[in-house]
PDB file of N, CA and C in Angstrom:
ATOM      1  N   MET A   1      68.433 114.158 103.281  1.00  0.00           N
ATOM      2  CA  MET A   1      68.643 112.744 103.050  1.00  0.00           C
ATOM      3  C   MET A   1      70.100 112.407 103.365  1.00  0.00           C
ATOM      4  N   LYS A   2      70.319 111.309 104.074  1.00  0.00           N
ATOM      5  CA  LYS A   2      71.649 110.867 104.481  1.00  0.00           C
ATOM      6  C   LYS A   2      71.956 109.545 103.801  1.00  0.00           C
ATOM      7  N   ARG A   3      73.147 109.457 103.182  1.00  0.00           N
ATOM      8  CA  ARG A   3      73.507 108.244 102.457  1.00  0.00           C
ATOM      9  C   ARG A   3      74.909 107.814 102.870  1.00  0.00           C
ATOM     10  N   LEU A   4      75.074 106.568 103.240  1.00  0.00           N
ATOM     11  CA  LEU A   4      76.371 106.021 103.609  1.00  0.00           C
ATOM     12  C   LEU A   4      77.188 105.792 102.346  1.00  0.00           C
ATOM     13  N   LEU A   5      78.385 106.376 102.301  1.00  0.00           N
ATOM     14  CA  LEU A   5      79.252 106.232 101.135  1.00  0.00           C
ATOM     15  C   LEU A   5      80.314 105.163 101.328  1.00  0.00           C
ATOM     16  N   LYS A   6      80.903 105.140 102.527  1.00  0.00           N
ATOM     17  CA  LYS A   6      82.046 104.257 102.723  1.00  0.00           C
ATOM     18  C   LYS A   6      82.167 103.900 104.198  1.00  0.00           C
ATOM     19  N   VAL A   7      82.580 102.663 104.469  1.00  0.00           N
ATOM     20  CA  VAL A   7      82.877 102.207 105.820  1.00  0.00           C
ATOM     21  C   VAL A   7      84.231 101.519 105.791  1.00  0.00           C
ATOM     22  N   ASP A   8      85.120 101.922 106.682  1.00  0.00           N
ATOM     23  CA  ASP A   8      86.423 101.285 106.802  1.00  0.00           C
ATOM     24  C   ASP A   8      86.440 100.507 108.115  1.00  0.00           C
ATOM     25  N   PRO A   9      86.303  99.168 108.061  1.00  0.00           N
ATOM     26  CA  PRO A   9      86.235  98.389 109.298  1.00  0.00           C
ATOM     27  C   PRO A   9      87.534  98.417 110.103  1.00  0.00           C
ATOM     28  N   LYS A  10      88.641  98.669 109.431  1.00  0.00           N
ATOM     29  CA  LYS A  10      89.939  98.696 110.108  1.00  0.00           C
ATOM     30  C   LYS A  10      90.064  99.905 111.029  1.00  0.00           C
ATOM     31  N   THR A  11      89.632 101.078 110.566  1.00  0.00           N
ATOM     32  CA  THR A  11      89.755 102.307 111.351  1.00  0.00           C
ATOM     33  C   THR A  11      88.456 102.702 112.034  1.00  0.00           C
ATOM     34  N   GLY A  12      87.341 102.079 111.638  1.00  0.00           N
ATOM     35  CA  GLY A  12      86.041 102.442 112.199  1.00  0.00           C
ATOM     36  C   GLY A  12      85.495 103.738 111.627  1.00  0.00           C
ATOM     37  N   GLU A  13      86.059 104.179 110.513  1.00  0.00           N
ATOM     38  CA  GLU A  13      85.642 105.443 109.901  1.00  0.00           C
ATOM     39  C   GLU A  13      84.465 105.225 108.955  1.00  0.00           C
ATOM     40  N   GLU A  14      83.488 106.110 109.044  1.00  0.00           N
ATOM     41  CA  GLU A  14      82.318 106.081 108.159  1.00  0.00           C
ATOM     42  C   GLU A  14      82.200 107.419 107.454  1.00  0.00           C
ATOM     43  N   MET A  15      81.810 107.386 106.191  1.00  0.00           N
ATOM     44  CA  MET A  15      81.628 108.615 105.414  1.00  0.00           C
ATOM     45  C   MET A  15      80.200 108.657 104.901  1.00  0.00           C
ATOM     46  N   TYR A  16      79.539 109.786 105.149  1.00  0.00           N
ATOM     47  CA  TYR A  16      78.146 109.979 104.738  1.00  0.00           C
ATOM     48  C   TYR A  16      78.036 111.188 103.821  1.00  0.00           C
ATOM     49  N   MET A  17      77.070 111.121 102.902  1.00  0.00           N
ATOM     50  CA  MET A  17      76.732 112.266 102.069  1.00  0.00           C
ATOM     51  C   MET A  17      75.344 112.735 102.496  1.00  0.00           C
ATOM     52  N   HIS A  18      75.219 114.035 102.710  1.00  0.00           N
ATOM     53  CA  HIS A  18      73.945 114.626 103.094  1.00  0.00           C
ATOM     54  C   HIS A  18      73.424 115.477 101.945  1.00  0.00           C
ATOM     55  N   GLN A  19      72.179 115.275 101.589  1.00  0.00           N
ATOM     56  CA  GLN A  19      71.498 116.127 100.626  1.00  0.00           C
ATOM     57  C   GLN A  19      70.701 117.134 101.441  1.00  0.00           C
ATOM     58  N   ASN A  20      71.126 118.383 101.422  1.00  0.00           N
ATOM     59  CA  ASN A  20      70.494 119.415 102.239  1.00  0.00           C
ATOM     60  C   ASN A  20      69.219 119.944 101.594  1.00  0.00           C
ATOM     61  N   ILE A  21      68.393 120.594 102.388  1.00  0.00           N
ATOM     62  CA  ILE A  21      67.112 121.129 101.921  1.00  0.00           C
ATOM     63  C   ILE A  21      67.300 122.151 100.808  1.00  0.00           C
ATOM     64  N   ASP A  22      68.369 122.939 100.890  1.00  0.00           N
ATOM     65  CA  ASP A  22      68.602 123.976  99.878  1.00  0.00           C
ATOM     66  C   ASP A  22      69.193 123.428  98.580  1.00  0.00           C
ATOM     67  N   GLY A  23      69.361 122.111  98.477  1.00  0.00           N
ATOM     68  CA  GLY A  23      69.870 121.496  97.257  1.00  0.00           C
ATOM     69  C   GLY A  23      71.366 121.227  97.280  1.00  0.00           C
ATOM     70  N   SER A  24      72.069 121.740  98.268  1.00  0.00           N
ATOM     71  CA  SER A  24      73.510 121.511  98.354  1.00  0.00           C
ATOM     72  C   SER A  24      73.787 120.144  98.991  1.00  0.00           C
ATOM     73  N   THR A  25      74.997 119.681  98.823  1.00  0.00           N
ATOM     74  CA  THR A  25      75.412 118.421  99.432  1.00  0.00           C
ATOM     75  C   THR A  25      76.588 118.673 100.368  1.00  0.00           C
ATOM     76  N   SER A  26      76.708 117.838 101.360  1.00  0.00           N
ATOM     77  CA  SER A  26      77.845 117.921 102.274  1.00  0.00           C
ATOM     78  C   SER A  26      78.291 116.512 102.623  1.00  0.00           C
ATOM     79  N   ILE A  27      79.566 116.407 102.967  1.00  0.00           N
ATOM     80  CA  ILE A  27      80.160 115.127 103.335  1.00  0.00           C
ATOM     81  C   ILE A  27      80.474 115.161 104.823  1.00  0.00           C
ATOM     82  N   GLU A  28      80.137 114.086 105.504  1.00  0.00           N
ATOM     83  CA  GLU A  28      80.401 113.969 106.944  1.00  0.00           C
ATOM     84  C   GLU A  28      81.233 112.716 107.178  1.00  0.00           C
ATOM     85  N   LYS A  29      82.309 112.869 107.967  1.00  0.00           N
ATOM     86  CA  LYS A  29      83.115 111.720 108.364  1.00  0.00           C
ATOM     87  C   LYS A  29      82.933 111.493 109.851  1.00  0.00           C
ATOM     88  N   LYS A  30      82.730 110.230 110.209  1.00  0.00           N
ATOM     89  CA  LYS A  30      82.601 109.847 111.607  1.00  0.00           C
ATOM     90  C   LYS A  30      83.590 108.729 111.887  1.00  0.00           C
ATOM     91  N   GLN A  31      84.099 108.736 113.108  1.00  0.00           N
ATOM     92  CA  GLN A  31      84.983 107.653 113.511  1.00  0.00           C
ATOM     93  C   GLN A  31      84.784 107.392 114.988  1.00  0.00           C
ATOM     94  N   ASN A  32      84.479 106.160 115.335  1.00  0.00           N
ATOM     95  CA  ASN A  32      84.349 105.771 116.730  1.00  0.00           C
ATOM     96  C   ASN A  32      85.729 105.357 117.213  1.00  0.00           C
ATOM     97  N   PHE A  33      86.298 106.138 118.120  1.00  0.00           N
ATOM     98  CA  PHE A  33      87.639 105.808 118.591  1.00  0.00           C
ATOM     99  C   PHE A  33      87.685 105.607 120.101  1.00  0.00           C
ATOM    100  N   ALA A  34      86.614 105.038 120.639  1.00  0.00           N
ATOM    101  CA  ALA A  34      86.575 104.738 122.076  1.00  0.00           C
ATOM    102  C   ALA A  34      87.638 103.711 122.448  1.00  0.00           C
ATOM    103  N   ALA A  35      87.828 102.694 121.622  1.00  0.00           N
ATOM    104  CA  ALA A  35      88.847 101.672 121.899  1.00  0.00           C
ATOM    105  C   ALA A  35      90.244 102.285 121.878  1.00  0.00           C
ATOM    106  N   LEU A  36      90.486 103.215 120.963  1.00  0.00           N
ATOM    107  CA  LEU A  36      91.783 103.887 120.887  1.00  0.00           C
ATOM    108  C   LEU A  36      92.024 104.740 122.127  1.00  0.00           C
ATOM    109  N   MET A  37      90.991 105.420 122.609  1.00  0.00           N
ATOM    110  CA  MET A  37      91.133 106.241 123.814  1.00  0.00           C
ATOM    111  C   MET A  37      91.430 105.365 125.027  1.00  0.00           C
ATOM    112  N   GLU A  38      90.823 104.176 125.076  1.00  0.00           N
ATOM    113  CA  GLU A  38      91.097 103.239 126.168  1.00  0.00           C
ATOM    114  C   GLU A  38      92.539 102.737 126.101  1.00  0.00           C
ATOM    115  N   LEU A  39      93.019 102.457 124.890  1.00  0.00           N
ATOM    116  CA  LEU A  39      94.415 102.038 124.708  1.00  0.00           C
ATOM    117  C   LEU A  39      95.364 103.158 125.130  1.00  0.00           C
ATOM    118  N   ASN A  40      95.065 104.392 124.743  1.00  0.00           N
ATOM    119  CA  ASN A  40      95.895 105.533 125.136  1.00  0.00           C
ATOM    120  C   ASN A  40      95.952 105.666 126.651  1.00  0.00           C
ATOM    121  N   LYS A  41      94.813 105.490 127.296  1.00  0.00           N
ATOM    122  CA  LYS A  41      94.742 105.587 128.754  1.00  0.00           C
ATOM    123  C   LYS A  41      95.623 104.515 129.392  1.00  0.00           C
ATOM    124  N   GLN A  42      95.561 103.292 128.866  1.00  0.00           N
ATOM    125  CA  GLN A  42      96.369 102.194 129.401  1.00  0.00           C
ATOM    126  C   GLN A  42      97.858 102.462 129.182  1.00  0.00           C
ATOM    127  N   MET A  43      98.224 102.938 127.998  1.00  0.00           N
ATOM    128  CA  MET A  43      99.633 103.239 127.715  1.00  0.00           C
ATOM    129  C   MET A  43     100.129 104.374 128.605  1.00  0.00           C
ATOM    130  N   ASN A  44      99.286 105.344 128.866  1.00  0.00           N
ATOM    131  CA  ASN A  44      99.653 106.451 129.742  1.00  0.00           C
ATOM    132  C   ASN A  44      99.852 105.957 131.174  1.00  0.00           C
ATOM    133  N   ASN A  45      98.990 105.043 131.625  1.00  0.00           N
ATOM    134  CA  ASN A  45      99.130 104.476 132.964  1.00  0.00           C
ATOM    135  C   ASN A  45     100.388 103.613 133.089  1.00  0.00           C
ATOM    136  N   ASP A  46     100.781 102.949 132.010  1.00  0.00           N
ATOM    137  CA  ASP A  46     101.961 102.086 132.019  1.00  0.00           C
ATOM    138  C   ASP A  46     103.270 102.866 131.935  1.00  0.00           C
ATOM    139  N   TRP A  47     103.198 104.117 131.505  1.00  0.00           N
ATOM    140  CA  TRP A  47     104.400 104.930 131.330  1.00  0.00           C
ATOM    141  C   TRP A  47     105.053 105.208 132.679  1.00  0.00           C
ATOM    142  N   GLN A  48     106.391 105.112 132.705  1.00  0.00           N
ATOM    143  CA  GLN A  48     107.139 105.403 133.922  1.00  0.00           C
ATOM    144  C   GLN A  48     108.264 106.372 133.593  1.00  0.00           C
ATOM    145  N   TYR A  49     108.493 107.306 134.492  1.00  0.00           N
ATOM    146  CA  TYR A  49     109.580 108.257 134.297  1.00  0.00           C
ATOM    147  C   TYR A  49     110.907 107.504 134.239  1.00  0.00           C
ATOM    148  N   GLY A  50     111.732 107.840 133.261  1.00  0.00           N
ATOM    149  CA  GLY A  50     113.063 107.256 133.129  1.00  0.00           C
ATOM    150  C   GLY A  50     113.113 105.981 132.324  1.00  0.00           C
ATOM    151  N   GLN A  51     111.996 105.485 131.813  1.00  0.00           N
ATOM    152  CA  GLN A  51     112.019 104.228 131.068  1.00  0.00           C
ATOM    153  C   GLN A  51     112.740 104.356 129.727  1.00  0.00           C
ATOM    154  N   MET A  52     112.956 105.575 129.262  1.00  0.00           N
ATOM    155  CA  MET A  52     113.641 105.769 127.988  1.00  0.00           C
ATOM    156  C   MET A  52     115.149 105.998 128.162  1.00  0.00           C
ATOM    157  N   ARG A  53     115.667 105.899 129.372  1.00  0.00           N
ATOM    158  CA  ARG A  53     117.100 106.127 129.599  1.00  0.00           C
ATOM    159  C   ARG A  53     117.921 105.122 128.818  1.00  0.00           C
ATOM    160  N   GLY A  54     118.998 105.608 128.266  1.00  0.00           N
ATOM    161  CA  GLY A  54     119.883 104.753 127.487  1.00  0.00           C
ATOM    162  C   GLY A  54     119.450 104.608 126.046  1.00  0.00           C
ATOM    163  N   SER A  55     118.333 105.215 125.685  1.00  0.00           N
ATOM    164  CA  SER A  55     117.881 105.169 124.289  1.00  0.00           C
ATOM    165  C   SER A  55     117.668 106.600 123.802  1.00  0.00           C
ATOM    166  N   GLN A  56     117.305 106.717 122.569  1.00  0.00           N
ATOM    167  CA  GLN A  56     117.124 108.045 121.996  1.00  0.00           C
ATOM    168  C   GLN A  56     115.735 108.559 122.344  1.00  0.00           C
ATOM    169  N   ARG A  57     115.679 109.670 123.079  1.00  0.00           N
ATOM    170  CA  ARG A  57     114.428 110.232 123.569  1.00  0.00           C
ATOM    171  C   ARG A  57     113.494 110.638 122.426  1.00  0.00           C
ATOM    172  N   HIS A  58     114.052 111.058 121.289  1.00  0.00           N
ATOM    173  CA  HIS A  58     113.194 111.528 120.215  1.00  0.00           C
ATOM    174  C   HIS A  58     112.391 110.411 119.546  1.00  0.00           C
ATOM    175  N   MET A  59     112.624 109.193 119.938  1.00  0.00           N
ATOM    176  CA  MET A  59     111.874 108.077 119.364  1.00  0.00           C
ATOM    177  C   MET A  59     110.742 107.602 120.276  1.00  0.00           C
ATOM    178  N   ALA A  60     110.454 108.331 121.353  1.00  0.00           N
ATOM    179  CA  ALA A  60     109.408 107.929 122.286  1.00  0.00           C
ATOM    180  C   ALA A  60     108.032 108.078 121.645  1.00  0.00           C
ATOM    181  N   HIS A  61     107.155 107.109 121.908  1.00  0.00           N
ATOM    182  CA  HIS A  61     105.768 107.147 121.434  1.00  0.00           C
ATOM    183  C   HIS A  61     105.006 108.089 122.361  1.00  0.00           C
ATOM    184  N   VAL A  62     104.552 109.221 121.857  1.00  0.00           N
ATOM    185  CA  VAL A  62     103.944 110.236 122.714  1.00  0.00           C
ATOM    186  C   VAL A  62     102.437 110.370 122.542  1.00  0.00           C
ATOM    187  N   ALA A  63     101.882 109.935 121.411  1.00  0.00           N
ATOM    188  CA  ALA A  63     100.447 110.120 121.183  1.00  0.00           C
ATOM    189  C   ALA A  63      99.931 109.141 120.138  1.00  0.00           C
ATOM    190  N   GLU A  64      98.634 108.908 120.212  1.00  0.00           N
ATOM    191  CA  GLU A  64      97.914 108.110 119.216  1.00  0.00           C
ATOM    192  C   GLU A  64      96.677 108.924 118.853  1.00  0.00           C
ATOM    193  N   ILE A  65      96.638 109.402 117.607  1.00  0.00           N
ATOM    194  CA  ILE A  65      95.580 110.308 117.173  1.00  0.00           C
ATOM    195  C   ILE A  65      94.761 109.635 116.071  1.00  0.00           C
ATOM    196  N   PRO A  66      93.425 109.592 116.196  1.00  0.00           N
ATOM    197  CA  PRO A  66      92.580 108.988 115.152  1.00  0.00           C
ATOM    198  C   PRO A  66      92.708 109.738 113.815  1.00  0.00           C
ATOM    199  N   ASN A  67      92.448 109.027 112.721  1.00  0.00           N
ATOM    200  CA  ASN A  67      92.606 109.597 111.377  1.00  0.00           C
ATOM    201  C   ASN A  67      91.820 110.882 111.170  1.00  0.00           C
ATOM    202  N   THR A  68      90.563 110.886 111.575  1.00  0.00           N
ATOM    203  CA  THR A  68      89.729 112.065 111.323  1.00  0.00           C
ATOM    204  C   THR A  68      90.256 113.286 112.075  1.00  0.00           C
ATOM    205  N   VAL A  69      90.722 113.082 113.314  1.00  0.00           N
ATOM    206  CA  VAL A  69      91.280 114.187 114.097  1.00  0.00           C
ATOM    207  C   VAL A  69      92.601 114.639 113.480  1.00  0.00           C
ATOM    208  N   TYR A  70      93.433 113.683 113.085  1.00  0.00           N
ATOM    209  CA  TYR A  70      94.724 114.006 112.465  1.00  0.00           C
ATOM    210  C   TYR A  70      94.540 114.826 111.188  1.00  0.00           C
ATOM    211  N   ASN A  71      93.627 114.390 110.333  1.00  0.00           N
ATOM    212  CA  ASN A  71      93.399 115.121 109.076  1.00  0.00           C
ATOM    213  C   ASN A  71      92.893 116.536 109.330  1.00  0.00           C
ATOM    214  N   ASP A  72      92.046 116.700 110.331  1.00  0.00           N
ATOM    215  CA  ASP A  72      91.570 118.028 110.702  1.00  0.00           C
ATOM    216  C   ASP A  72      92.723 118.886 111.206  1.00  0.00           C
ATOM    217  N   LEU A  73      93.611 118.302 112.001  1.00  0.00           N
ATOM    218  CA  LEU A  73      94.767 119.045 112.517  1.00  0.00           C
ATOM    219  C   LEU A  73      95.748 119.420 111.412  1.00  0.00           C
ATOM    220  N   VAL A  74      95.944 118.534 110.459  1.00  0.00           N
ATOM    221  CA  VAL A  74      96.822 118.854 109.328  1.00  0.00           C
ATOM    222  C   VAL A  74      96.267 120.035 108.552  1.00  0.00           C
ATOM    223  N   ALA A  75      94.943 120.088 108.401  1.00  0.00           N
ATOM    224  CA  ALA A  75      94.324 121.224 107.709  1.00  0.00           C
ATOM    225  C   ALA A  75      94.520 122.523 108.492  1.00  0.00           C
ATOM    226  N   LYS A  76      94.489 122.451 109.824  1.00  0.00           N
ATOM    227  CA  LYS A  76      94.627 123.646 110.659  1.00  0.00           C
ATOM    228  C   LYS A  76      96.081 124.034 110.909  1.00  0.00           C
ATOM    229  N   LEU A  77      96.913 123.036 111.257  1.00  0.00           N
ATOM    230  CA  LEU A  77      98.278 123.313 111.697  1.00  0.00           C
ATOM    231  C   LEU A  77      99.353 123.036 110.649  1.00  0.00           C
ATOM    232  N   GLY A  78      99.014 122.276 109.633  1.00  0.00           N
ATOM    233  CA  GLY A  78     100.025 121.820 108.688  1.00  0.00           C
ATOM    234  C   GLY A  78     100.600 120.501 109.184  1.00  0.00           C
ATOM    235  N   LYS A  79     101.509 119.918 108.428  1.00  0.00           N
ATOM    236  CA  LYS A  79     102.109 118.642 108.824  1.00  0.00           C
ATOM    237  C   LYS A  79     103.004 118.845 110.043  1.00  0.00           C
ATOM    238  N   PRO A  80     103.147 117.808 110.875  1.00  0.00           N
ATOM    239  CA  PRO A  80     103.970 117.942 112.083  1.00  0.00           C
ATOM    240  C   PRO A  80     105.401 118.406 111.797  1.00  0.00           C
ATOM    241  N   ALA A  81     105.995 117.943 110.705  1.00  0.00           N
ATOM    242  CA  ALA A  81     107.362 118.348 110.383  1.00  0.00           C
ATOM    243  C   ALA A  81     107.436 119.824 109.982  1.00  0.00           C
ATOM    244  N   ASP A  82     106.334 120.357 109.447  1.00  0.00           N
ATOM    245  CA  ASP A  82     106.311 121.758 109.011  1.00  0.00           C
ATOM    246  C   ASP A  82     105.986 122.721 110.152  1.00  0.00           C
ATOM    247  N   ASN A  83     105.296 122.254 111.193  1.00  0.00           N
ATOM    248  CA  ASN A  83     104.896 123.118 112.303  1.00  0.00           C
ATOM    249  C   ASN A  83     105.023 122.367 113.633  1.00  0.00           C
ATOM    250  N   PRO A  84     106.249 121.991 114.039  1.00  0.00           N
ATOM    251  CA  PRO A  84     106.394 121.226 115.270  1.00  0.00           C
ATOM    252  C   PRO A  84     105.937 121.993 116.506  1.00  0.00           C
ATOM    253  N   THR A  85     106.104 123.299 116.519  1.00  0.00           N
ATOM    254  CA  THR A  85     105.686 124.103 117.670  1.00  0.00           C
ATOM    255  C   THR A  85     104.175 124.049 117.858  1.00  0.00           C
ATOM    256  N   GLY A  86     103.422 124.178 116.780  1.00  0.00           N
ATOM    257  CA  GLY A  86     101.961 124.115 116.855  1.00  0.00           C
ATOM    258  C   GLY A  86     101.474 122.751 117.325  1.00  0.00           C
ATOM    259  N   TRP A  87     102.090 121.691 116.820  1.00  0.00           N
ATOM    260  CA  TRP A  87     101.710 120.346 117.226  1.00  0.00           C
ATOM    261  C   TRP A  87     102.048 120.098 118.692  1.00  0.00           C
ATOM    262  N   LYS A  88     103.210 120.548 119.136  1.00  0.00           N
ATOM    263  CA  LYS A  88     103.587 120.393 120.546  1.00  0.00           C
ATOM    264  C   LYS A  88     102.603 121.132 121.440  1.00  0.00           C
ATOM    265  N   LYS A  89     102.230 122.329 121.031  1.00  0.00           N
ATOM    266  CA  LYS A  89     101.270 123.116 121.808  1.00  0.00           C
ATOM    267  C   LYS A  89      99.934 122.373 121.898  1.00  0.00           C
ATOM    268  N   TRP A  90      99.474 121.815 120.782  1.00  0.00           N
ATOM    269  CA  TRP A  90      98.202 121.083 120.768  1.00  0.00           C
ATOM    270  C   TRP A  90      98.287 119.847 121.660  1.00  0.00           C
ATOM    271  N   LEU A  91      99.372 119.073 121.560  1.00  0.00           N
ATOM    272  CA  LEU A  91      99.511 117.855 122.353  1.00  0.00           C
ATOM    273  C   LEU A  91      99.669 118.149 123.848  1.00  0.00           C
ATOM    274  N   ASN A  92     100.312 119.261 124.195  1.00  0.00           N
ATOM    275  CA  ASN A  92     100.516 119.616 125.599  1.00  0.00           C
ATOM    276  C   ASN A  92      99.291 120.273 126.224  1.00  0.00           C
ATOM    277  N   ASP A  93      98.309 120.648 125.409  1.00  0.00           N
ATOM    278  CA  ASP A  93      97.080 121.256 125.923  1.00  0.00           C
ATOM    279  C   ASP A  93      96.321 120.222 126.762  1.00  0.00           C
ATOM    280  N   SER A  94      95.869 120.629 127.939  1.00  0.00           N
ATOM    281  CA  SER A  94      95.191 119.688 128.842  1.00  0.00           C
ATOM    282  C   SER A  94      93.894 119.133 128.243  1.00  0.00           C
ATOM    283  N   GLU A  95      93.268 119.849 127.330  1.00  0.00           N
ATOM    284  CA  GLU A  95      92.042 119.359 126.686  1.00  0.00           C
ATOM    285  C   GLU A  95      92.313 118.155 125.786  1.00  0.00           C
ATOM    286  N   ASN A  96      93.552 117.989 125.351  1.00  0.00           N
ATOM    287  CA  ASN A  96      93.908 116.916 124.415  1.00  0.00           C
ATOM    288  C   ASN A  96      94.703 115.807 125.083  1.00  0.00           C
ATOM    289  N   ARG A  97      94.705 115.742 126.409  1.00  0.00           N
ATOM    290  CA  ARG A  97      95.516 114.756 127.122  1.00  0.00           C
ATOM    291  C   ARG A  97      95.082 113.321 126.831  1.00  0.00           C
ATOM    292  N   ALA A  98      93.851 113.104 126.401  1.00  0.00           N
ATOM    293  CA  ALA A  98      93.376 111.747 126.106  1.00  0.00           C
ATOM    294  C   ALA A  98      94.126 111.135 124.926  1.00  0.00           C
ATOM    295  N   PHE A  99      94.741 111.954 124.095  1.00  0.00           N
ATOM    296  CA  PHE A  99      95.483 111.445 122.937  1.00  0.00           C
ATOM    297  C   PHE A  99      96.934 111.099 123.285  1.00  0.00           C
ATOM    298  N   ARG A 100      97.405 111.519 124.471  1.00  0.00           N
ATOM    299  CA  ARG A 100      98.786 111.271 124.881  1.00  0.00           C
ATOM    300  C   ARG A 100      98.952 109.844 125.383  1.00  0.00           C
ATOM    301  N   THR A 101     100.127 109.260 125.149  1.00  0.00           N
ATOM    302  CA  THR A 101     100.403 107.900 125.581  1.00  0.00           C
ATOM    303  C   THR A 101     101.529 107.842 126.598  1.00  0.00           C
ATOM    304  N   GLY A 102     102.077 108.976 127.003  1.00  0.00           N
ATOM    305  CA  GLY A 102     103.145 109.009 127.991  1.00  0.00           C
ATOM    306  C   GLY A 102     103.044 110.232 128.850  1.00  0.00           C
ATOM    307  N   GLY A 103     103.692 110.213 129.977  1.00  0.00           N
ATOM    308  CA  GLY A 103     103.637 111.339 130.889  1.00  0.00           C
ATOM    309  C   GLY A 103     104.528 112.490 130.457  1.00  0.00           C
ATOM    310  N   GLY A 104     104.454 113.572 131.194  1.00  0.00           N
ATOM    311  CA  GLY A 104     105.298 114.727 130.926  1.00  0.00           C
ATOM    312  C   GLY A 104     104.806 115.557 129.768  1.00  0.00           C
ATOM    313  N   TYR A 105     105.678 116.425 129.294  1.00  0.00           N
ATOM    314  CA  TYR A 105     105.375 117.310 128.175  1.00  0.00           C
ATOM    315  C   TYR A 105     106.327 117.059 127.030  1.00  0.00           C
ATOM    316  N   ILE A 106     105.901 117.400 125.858  1.00  0.00           N
ATOM    317  CA  ILE A 106     106.751 117.232 124.675  1.00  0.00           C
ATOM    318  C   ILE A 106     107.620 118.457 124.551  1.00  0.00           C
TER     319      ILE A 106
END
């Protein structure tokens, strides 16, 4: 049996509770982030090499990650400030390029 617990219209996140056959329960989170991926693609296309000249490079917007993916990554990698190397590796991975908003590597 599947039961909707919560819907967040702002983030598009949905939370469901499943009653399994063996009597256990599980929680499932879903988030439709197609619009966010389209925005990331547009921001990546708009990015130009050298546009950050004269400003502080460490303030560049490099990625937009949906809540559900971010929370999963925090569980695996820890917070970005605690494991910057792991986060950089994940963001620079070609499989995760859809989350990037600028060219180049971090």
